[in-house]
């Protein structure tokens, strides 16, 4: 069995400056969003949900995700303003 392909992503919370970005190696945009939220300092959170910008480093393609921190649900942002 082979491991799924991985890619480098730059991820940061939408309400924070991009200098808070972390580079993560994950299998998908969604996995990178979740990994970032799991390790985010709780003092930087504003509530029970967070929007994160995930940028694939090789291509520069970016996506926005809304993460419910209580339920762990991940969904695309309603209005993606990342590009």
PDB file of N, CA and C in Angstrom:
ATOM      1  N   UNK A   1       0.852  -1.181   0.000  1.00  0.00           N
ATOM      2  CA  UNK A   1       0.000   0.000   0.000  1.00  0.00           C
ATOM      3  C   UNK A   1       0.896   1.244   0.000  1.00  0.00           C
ATOM      4  N   UNK A   2       0.594   2.174  -0.875  1.00  0.00           N
ATOM      5  CA  UNK A   2       1.399   3.393  -0.966  1.00  0.00           C
ATOM      6  C   UNK A   2       0.702   4.527  -0.223  1.00  0.00           C
ATOM      7  N   UNK A   3       1.499   5.440   0.290  1.00  0.00           N
ATOM      8  CA  UNK A   3       0.964   6.603   0.988  1.00  0.00           C
ATOM      9  C   UNK A   3       0.373   7.566  -0.030  1.00  0.00           C
ATOM     10  N   UNK A   4      -0.681   8.305   0.368  1.00  0.00           N
ATOM     11  CA  UNK A   4      -1.245   9.293  -0.560  1.00  0.00           C
ATOM     12  C   UNK A   4      -0.216  10.377  -0.858  1.00  0.00           C
ATOM     13  N   UNK A   5      -0.287  10.953  -2.042  1.00  0.00           N
ATOM     14  CA  UNK A   5       0.657  12.027  -2.369  1.00  0.00           C
ATOM     15  C   UNK A   5       0.462  13.213  -1.424  1.00  0.00           C
ATOM     16  N   UNK A   6       1.533  13.898  -1.150  1.00  0.00           N
ATOM     17  CA  UNK A   6       1.454  15.067  -0.276  1.00  0.00           C
ATOM     18  C   UNK A   6       1.957  16.295  -1.016  1.00  0.00           C
ATOM     19  N   UNK A   7       1.641  17.436  -0.450  1.00  0.00           N
ATOM     20  CA  UNK A   7       2.019  18.707  -1.048  1.00  0.00           C
ATOM     21  C   UNK A   7       2.281  19.700   0.080  1.00  0.00           C
ATOM     22  N   UNK A   8       3.070  20.731  -0.200  1.00  0.00           N
ATOM     23  CA  UNK A   8       3.295  21.788   0.770  1.00  0.00           C
ATOM     24  C   UNK A   8       2.216  22.849   0.640  1.00  0.00           C
ATOM     25  N   UNK A   9       1.680  23.252   1.789  1.00  0.00           N
ATOM     26  CA  UNK A   9       0.659  24.281   1.856  1.00  0.00           C
ATOM     27  C   UNK A   9       1.083  25.342   2.865  1.00  0.00           C
ATOM     28  N   UNK A  10       0.779  26.590   2.564  1.00  0.00           N
ATOM     29  CA  UNK A  10       0.917  27.675   3.514  1.00  0.00           C
ATOM     30  C   UNK A  10      -0.485  27.970   4.037  1.00  0.00           C
ATOM     31  N   UNK A  11      -0.642  27.961   5.357  1.00  0.00           N
ATOM     32  CA  UNK A  11      -1.976  28.106   5.954  1.00  0.00           C
ATOM     33  C   UNK A  11      -1.932  29.186   7.030  1.00  0.00           C
ATOM     34  N   UNK A  12      -2.956  30.053   7.037  1.00  0.00           N
ATOM     35  CA  UNK A  12      -3.072  31.034   8.115  1.00  0.00           C
ATOM     36  C   UNK A  12      -4.544  31.351   8.353  1.00  0.00           C
ATOM     37  N   UNK A  13      -4.834  31.797   9.572  1.00  0.00           N
ATOM     38  CA  UNK A  13      -6.195  32.179   9.933  1.00  0.00           C
ATOM     39  C   UNK A  13      -6.538  33.494   9.257  1.00  0.00           C
ATOM     40  N   UNK A  14      -7.723  33.574   8.732  1.00  0.00           N
ATOM     41  CA  UNK A  14      -8.139  34.759   7.980  1.00  0.00           C
ATOM     42  C   UNK A  14      -8.111  36.027   8.831  1.00  0.00           C
ATOM     43  N   UNK A  15      -8.391  35.916  10.136  1.00  0.00           N
ATOM     44  CA  UNK A  15      -8.426  37.103  10.999  1.00  0.00           C
ATOM     45  C   UNK A  15      -7.042  37.518  11.480  1.00  0.00           C
ATOM     46  N   UNK A  16      -6.016  36.754  11.130  1.00  0.00           N
ATOM     47  CA  UNK A  16      -4.647  37.080  11.521  1.00  0.00           C
ATOM     48  C   UNK A  16      -3.854  37.518  10.297  1.00  0.00           C
ATOM     49  N   UNK A  17      -2.777  38.249  10.527  1.00  0.00           N
ATOM     50  CA  UNK A  17      -1.886  38.619   9.429  1.00  0.00           C
ATOM     51  C   UNK A  17      -1.233  37.360   8.878  1.00  0.00           C
ATOM     52  N   UNK A  18      -0.864  37.412   7.617  1.00  0.00           N
ATOM     53  CA  UNK A  18      -0.283  36.233   6.977  1.00  0.00           C
ATOM     54  C   UNK A  18       1.068  35.840   7.562  1.00  0.00           C
ATOM     55  N   UNK A  19       1.680  36.700   8.394  1.00  0.00           N
ATOM     56  CA  UNK A  19       2.945  36.302   9.007  1.00  0.00           C
ATOM     57  C   UNK A  19       2.742  35.191  10.041  1.00  0.00           C
ATOM     58  N   UNK A  20       1.480  34.888  10.384  1.00  0.00           N
ATOM     59  CA  UNK A  20       1.162  33.771  11.268  1.00  0.00           C
ATOM     60  C   UNK A  20       1.033  32.461  10.491  1.00  0.00           C
ATOM     61  N   UNK A  21       1.343  32.490   9.218  1.00  0.00           N
ATOM     62  CA  UNK A  21       1.199  31.296   8.373  1.00  0.00           C
ATOM     63  C   UNK A  21       2.176  30.207   8.796  1.00  0.00           C
ATOM     64  N   UNK A  22       1.750  28.983   8.589  1.00  0.00           N
ATOM     65  CA  UNK A  22       2.612  27.829   8.812  1.00  0.00           C
ATOM     66  C   UNK A  22       2.670  27.039   7.520  1.00  0.00           C
ATOM     67  N   UNK A  23       3.814  26.486   7.222  1.00  0.00           N
ATOM     68  CA  UNK A  23       3.951  25.613   6.061  1.00  0.00           C
ATOM     69  C   UNK A  23       3.762  24.185   6.548  1.00  0.00           C
ATOM     70  N   UNK A  24       2.811  23.504   5.926  1.00  0.00           N
ATOM     71  CA  UNK A  24       2.472  22.135   6.306  1.00  0.00           C
ATOM     72  C   UNK A  24       2.554  21.229   5.090  1.00  0.00           C
ATOM     73  N   UNK A  25       2.899  19.991   5.315  1.00  0.00           N
ATOM     74  CA  UNK A  25       2.904  18.982   4.258  1.00  0.00           C
ATOM     75  C   UNK A  25       1.731  18.052   4.543  1.00  0.00           C
ATOM     76  N   UNK A  26       0.740  18.083   3.665  1.00  0.00           N
ATOM     77  CA  UNK A  26      -0.480  17.294   3.852  1.00  0.00           C
ATOM     78  C   UNK A  26      -0.941  16.738   2.513  1.00  0.00           C
ATOM     79  N   UNK A  27      -1.940  15.881   2.567  1.00  0.00           N
ATOM     80  CA  UNK A  27      -2.456  15.220   1.372  1.00  0.00           C
ATOM     81  C   UNK A  27      -3.492  16.061   0.626  1.00  0.00           C
ATOM     82  N   UNK A  28      -4.087  17.075   1.296  1.00  0.00           N
ATOM     83  CA  UNK A  28      -5.139  17.860   0.643  1.00  0.00           C
ATOM     84  C   UNK A  28      -5.254  19.230   1.303  1.00  0.00           C
ATOM     85  N   UNK A  29      -5.973  20.126   0.630  1.00  0.00           N
ATOM     86  CA  UNK A  29      -6.258  21.443   1.193  1.00  0.00           C
ATOM     87  C   UNK A  29      -6.971  21.290   2.537  1.00  0.00           C
ATOM     88  N   UNK A  30      -7.980  20.415   2.581  1.00  0.00           N
ATOM     89  CA  UNK A  30      -8.760  20.213   3.792  1.00  0.00           C
ATOM     90  C   UNK A  30      -7.899  19.694   4.935  1.00  0.00           C
ATOM     91  N   UNK A  31      -7.022  18.732   4.647  1.00  0.00           N
ATOM     92  CA  UNK A  31      -6.146  18.182   5.678  1.00  0.00           C
ATOM     93  C   UNK A  31      -5.211  19.257   6.224  1.00  0.00           C
ATOM     94  N   UNK A  32      -4.730  20.133   5.367  1.00  0.00           N
ATOM     95  CA  UNK A  32      -3.869  21.225   5.811  1.00  0.00           C
ATOM     96  C   UNK A  32      -4.642  22.197   6.704  1.00  0.00           C
ATOM     97  N   UNK A  33      -5.886  22.501   6.351  1.00  0.00           N
ATOM     98  CA  UNK A  33      -6.716  23.393   7.166  1.00  0.00           C
ATOM     99  C   UNK A  33      -6.927  22.815   8.558  1.00  0.00           C
ATOM    100  N   UNK A  34      -7.234  21.530   8.630  1.00  0.00           N
ATOM    101  CA  UNK A  34      -7.474  20.877   9.915  1.00  0.00           C
ATOM    102  C   UNK A  34      -6.195  20.835  10.747  1.00  0.00           C
ATOM    103  N   UNK A  35      -5.080  20.472  10.130  1.00  0.00           N
ATOM    104  CA  UNK A  35      -3.805  20.402  10.851  1.00  0.00           C
ATOM    105  C   UNK A  35      -3.439  21.760  11.435  1.00  0.00           C
ATOM    106  N   UNK A  36      -3.673  22.831  10.690  1.00  0.00           N
ATOM    107  CA  UNK A  36      -3.386  24.177  11.181  1.00  0.00           C
ATOM    108  C   UNK A  36      -4.261  24.499  12.388  1.00  0.00           C
ATOM    109  N   UNK A  37      -5.566  24.238  12.277  1.00  0.00           N
ATOM    110  CA  UNK A  37      -6.501  24.563  13.362  1.00  0.00           C
ATOM    111  C   UNK A  37      -6.184  23.761  14.623  1.00  0.00           C
ATOM    112  N   UNK A  38      -5.763  22.526  14.466  1.00  0.00           N
ATOM    113  CA  UNK A  38      -5.449  21.685  15.623  1.00  0.00           C
ATOM    114  C   UNK A  38      -4.284  22.241  16.433  1.00  0.00           C
ATOM    115  N   UNK A  39      -3.350  22.903  15.782  1.00  0.00           N
ATOM    116  CA  UNK A  39      -2.164  23.409  16.462  1.00  0.00           C
ATOM    117  C   UNK A  39      -2.203  24.906  16.746  1.00  0.00           C
ATOM    118  N   UNK A  40      -3.319  25.570  16.435  1.00  0.00           N
ATOM    119  CA  UNK A  40      -3.405  27.013  16.630  1.00  0.00           C
ATOM    120  C   UNK A  40      -3.505  27.345  18.115  1.00  0.00           C
ATOM    121  N   UNK A  41      -2.765  28.343  18.537  1.00  0.00           N
ATOM    122  CA  UNK A  41      -2.778  28.813  19.920  1.00  0.00           C
ATOM    123  C   UNK A  41      -4.192  29.293  20.255  1.00  0.00           C
ATOM    124  N   UNK A  42      -4.826  28.722  21.278  1.00  0.00           N
ATOM    125  CA  UNK A  42      -6.201  29.114  21.625  1.00  0.00           C
ATOM    126  C   UNK A  42      -6.366  30.598  21.920  1.00  0.00           C
ATOM    127  N   UNK A  43      -5.309  31.269  22.356  1.00  0.00           N
ATOM    128  CA  UNK A  43      -5.426  32.705  22.644  1.00  0.00           C
ATOM    129  C   UNK A  43      -5.619  33.526  21.371  1.00  0.00           C
ATOM    130  N   UNK A  44      -5.350  32.945  20.206  1.00  0.00           N
ATOM    131  CA  UNK A  44      -5.520  33.645  18.933  1.00  0.00           C
ATOM    132  C   UNK A  44      -6.918  33.462  18.341  1.00  0.00           C
ATOM    133  N   UNK A  45      -7.742  32.657  18.994  1.00  0.00           N
ATOM    134  CA  UNK A  45      -9.080  32.373  18.486  1.00  0.00           C
ATOM    135  C   UNK A  45     -10.073  33.414  18.977  1.00  0.00           C
ATOM    136  N   UNK A  46     -11.054  33.699  18.126  1.00  0.00           N
ATOM    137  CA  UNK A  46     -12.076  34.697  18.468  1.00  0.00           C
ATOM    138  C   UNK A  46     -13.423  34.066  18.806  1.00  0.00           C
ATOM    139  N   UNK A  47     -13.572  32.778  18.666  1.00  0.00           N
ATOM    140  CA  UNK A  47     -14.862  32.148  18.927  1.00  0.00           C
ATOM    141  C   UNK A  47     -14.792  30.655  18.725  1.00  0.00           C
ATOM    142  N   UNK A  48     -15.905  30.094  18.282  1.00  0.00           N
ATOM    143  CA  UNK A  48     -16.011  28.651  18.117  1.00  0.00           C
ATOM    144  C   UNK A  48     -15.817  28.196  16.674  1.00  0.00           C
ATOM    145  N   UNK A  49     -15.492  29.155  15.816  1.00  0.00           N
ATOM    146  CA  UNK A  49     -15.234  28.825  14.407  1.00  0.00           C
ATOM    147  C   UNK A  49     -14.085  29.691  13.924  1.00  0.00           C
ATOM    148  N   UNK A  50     -13.425  29.221  12.901  1.00  0.00           N
ATOM    149  CA  UNK A  50     -12.290  29.948  12.349  1.00  0.00           C
ATOM    150  C   UNK A  50     -12.287  29.775  10.836  1.00  0.00           C
ATOM    151  N   UNK A  51     -11.905  30.822  10.128  1.00  0.00           N
ATOM    152  CA  UNK A  51     -11.702  30.743   8.682  1.00  0.00           C
ATOM    153  C   UNK A  51     -10.204  30.722   8.434  1.00  0.00           C
ATOM    154  N   UNK A  52      -9.772  29.800   7.590  1.00  0.00           N
ATOM    155  CA  UNK A  52      -8.354  29.709   7.268  1.00  0.00           C
ATOM    156  C   UNK A  52      -8.157  29.770   5.762  1.00  0.00           C
ATOM    157  N   UNK A  53      -7.037  30.376   5.373  1.00  0.00           N
ATOM    158  CA  UNK A  53      -6.641  30.442   3.978  1.00  0.00           C
ATOM    159  C   UNK A  53      -5.563  29.386   3.772  1.00  0.00           C
ATOM    160  N   UNK A  54      -5.772  28.512   2.807  1.00  0.00           N
ATOM    161  CA  UNK A  54      -4.815  27.443   2.501  1.00  0.00           C
ATOM    162  C   UNK A  54      -4.312  27.676   1.082  1.00  0.00           C
ATOM    163  N   UNK A  55      -3.008  27.883   0.954  1.00  0.00           N
ATOM    164  CA  UNK A  55      -2.395  28.124  -0.349  1.00  0.00           C
ATOM    165  C   UNK A  55      -1.446  26.987  -0.680  1.00  0.00           C
ATOM    166  N   UNK A  56      -1.686  26.339  -1.815  1.00  0.00           N
ATOM    167  CA  UNK A  56      -0.792  25.288  -2.290  1.00  0.00           C
ATOM    168  C   UNK A  56       0.466  25.974  -2.803  1.00  0.00           C
ATOM    169  N   UNK A  57       1.610  25.649  -2.219  1.00  0.00           N
ATOM    170  CA  UNK A  57       2.832  26.377  -2.576  1.00  0.00           C
ATOM    171  C   UNK A  57       3.299  26.154  -4.012  1.00  0.00           C
ATOM    172  N   UNK A  58       3.275  24.940  -4.537  1.00  0.00           N
ATOM    173  CA  UNK A  58       3.764  24.788  -5.909  1.00  0.00           C
ATOM    174  C   UNK A  58       2.957  25.581  -6.936  1.00  0.00           C
ATOM    175  N   UNK A  59       1.627  25.601  -6.783  1.00  0.00           N
ATOM    176  CA  UNK A  59       0.784  26.244  -7.800  1.00  0.00           C
ATOM    177  C   UNK A  59       0.353  27.659  -7.432  1.00  0.00           C
ATOM    178  N   UNK A  60       0.336  27.976  -6.133  1.00  0.00           N
ATOM    179  CA  UNK A  60      -0.165  29.268  -5.681  1.00  0.00           C
ATOM    180  C   UNK A  60      -1.677  29.305  -5.533  1.00  0.00           C
ATOM    181  N   UNK A  61      -2.360  28.212  -5.892  1.00  0.00           N
ATOM    182  CA  UNK A  61      -3.816  28.150  -5.773  1.00  0.00           C
ATOM    183  C   UNK A  61      -4.211  28.209  -4.301  1.00  0.00           C
ATOM    184  N   UNK A  62      -5.210  29.037  -3.976  1.00  0.00           N
ATOM    185  CA  UNK A  62      -5.637  29.198  -2.589  1.00  0.00           C
ATOM    186  C   UNK A  62      -7.120  28.906  -2.441  1.00  0.00           C
ATOM    187  N   UNK A  63      -7.468  28.385  -1.274  1.00  0.00           N
ATOM    188  CA  UNK A  63      -8.860  28.118  -0.928  1.00  0.00           C
ATOM    189  C   UNK A  63      -9.090  28.558   0.506  1.00  0.00           C
ATOM    190  N   UNK A  64     -10.318  28.916   0.816  1.00  0.00           N
ATOM    191  CA  UNK A  64     -10.708  29.329   2.156  1.00  0.00           C
ATOM    192  C   UNK A  64     -11.631  28.267   2.754  1.00  0.00           C
ATOM    193  N   UNK A  65     -11.420  27.969   4.036  1.00  0.00           N
ATOM    194  CA  UNK A  65     -12.256  26.992   4.723  1.00  0.00           C
ATOM    195  C   UNK A  65     -12.736  27.569   6.042  1.00  0.00           C
ATOM    196  N   UNK A  66     -13.978  27.261   6.381  1.00  0.00           N
ATOM    197  CA  UNK A  66     -14.568  27.589   7.676  1.00  0.00           C
ATOM    198  C   UNK A  66     -14.522  26.301   8.500  1.00  0.00           C
ATOM    199  N   UNK A  67     -13.936  26.384   9.709  1.00  0.00           N
ATOM    200  CA  UNK A  67     -13.808  25.216  10.559  1.00  0.00           C
ATOM    201  C   UNK A  67     -14.580  25.458  11.844  1.00  0.00           C
ATOM    202  N   UNK A  68     -15.527  24.568  12.142  1.00  0.00           N
ATOM    203  CA  UNK A  68     -16.249  24.594  13.410  1.00  0.00           C
ATOM    204  C   UNK A  68     -15.365  23.898  14.431  1.00  0.00           C
ATOM    205  N   UNK A  69     -14.823  24.656  15.372  1.00  0.00           N
ATOM    206  CA  UNK A  69     -13.859  24.114  16.314  1.00  0.00           C
ATOM    207  C   UNK A  69     -14.489  23.161  17.322  1.00  0.00           C
ATOM    208  N   UNK A  70     -15.784  23.287  17.573  1.00  0.00           N
ATOM    209  CA  UNK A  70     -16.456  22.384  18.505  1.00  0.00           C
ATOM    210  C   UNK A  70     -16.759  21.035  17.861  1.00  0.00           C
ATOM    211  N   UNK A  71     -17.290  21.071  16.643  1.00  0.00           N
ATOM    212  CA  UNK A  71     -17.696  19.830  15.966  1.00  0.00           C
ATOM    213  C   UNK A  71     -16.590  19.252  15.094  1.00  0.00           C
ATOM    214  N   UNK A  72     -15.625  20.081  14.698  1.00  0.00           N
ATOM    215  CA  UNK A  72     -14.554  19.616  13.818  1.00  0.00           C
ATOM    216  C   UNK A  72     -14.952  19.579  12.360  1.00  0.00           C
ATOM    217  N   UNK A  73     -16.088  20.200  12.017  1.00  0.00           N
ATOM    218  CA  UNK A  73     -16.550  20.221  10.629  1.00  0.00           C
ATOM    219  C   UNK A  73     -15.766  21.244   9.819  1.00  0.00           C
ATOM    220  N   UNK A  74     -15.487  20.893   8.567  1.00  0.00           N
ATOM    221  CA  UNK A  74     -14.763  21.774   7.650  1.00  0.00           C
ATOM    222  C   UNK A  74     -15.607  21.963   6.402  1.00  0.00           C
ATOM    223  N   UNK A  75     -15.763  23.229   5.987  1.00  0.00           N
ATOM    224  CA  UNK A  75     -16.534  23.531   4.781  1.00  0.00           C
ATOM    225  C   UNK A  75     -15.884  24.707   4.066  1.00  0.00           C
ATOM    226  N   UNK A  76     -16.042  24.775   2.747  1.00  0.00           N
ATOM    227  CA  UNK A  76     -15.522  25.946   2.028  1.00  0.00           C
ATOM    228  C   UNK A  76     -16.203  27.214   2.544  1.00  0.00           C
ATOM    229  N   UNK A  77     -15.474  28.315   2.573  1.00  0.00           N
ATOM    230  CA  UNK A  77     -16.059  29.595   2.974  1.00  0.00           C
ATOM    231  C   UNK A  77     -17.159  29.953   1.983  1.00  0.00           C
ATOM    232  N   UNK A  78     -18.186  30.625   2.494  1.00  0.00           N
ATOM    233  CA  UNK A  78     -19.297  31.023   1.613  1.00  0.00           C
ATOM    234  C   UNK A  78     -18.844  31.979   0.529  1.00  0.00           C
ATOM    235  N   UNK A  79     -18.010  32.930   0.900  1.00  0.00           N
ATOM    236  CA  UNK A  79     -17.493  33.900  -0.068  1.00  0.00           C
ATOM    237  C   UNK A  79     -15.989  33.825  -0.009  1.00  0.00           C
ATOM    238  N   UNK A  80     -15.418  33.171  -0.976  1.00  0.00           N
ATOM    239  CA  UNK A  80     -13.969  32.978  -0.993  1.00  0.00           C
ATOM    240  C   UNK A  80     -13.317  34.222  -1.569  1.00  0.00           C
ATOM    241  N   UNK A  81     -12.636  35.007  -0.716  1.00  0.00           N
ATOM    242  CA  UNK A  81     -11.971  36.247  -1.129  1.00  0.00           C
ATOM    243  C   UNK A  81     -10.468  36.061  -1.151  1.00  0.00           C
ATOM    244  N   UNK A  82      -9.971  34.874  -1.441  1.00  0.00           N
ATOM    245  CA  UNK A  82      -8.544  34.617  -1.345  1.00  0.00           C
ATOM    246  C   UNK A  82      -7.782  35.002  -2.587  1.00  0.00           C
ATOM    247  N   UNK A  83      -8.424  35.198  -3.698  1.00  0.00           N
ATOM    248  CA  UNK A  83      -7.706  35.491  -4.948  1.00  0.00           C
ATOM    249  C   UNK A  83      -7.948  36.905  -5.379  1.00  0.00           C
TER     250      UNK A  83
END
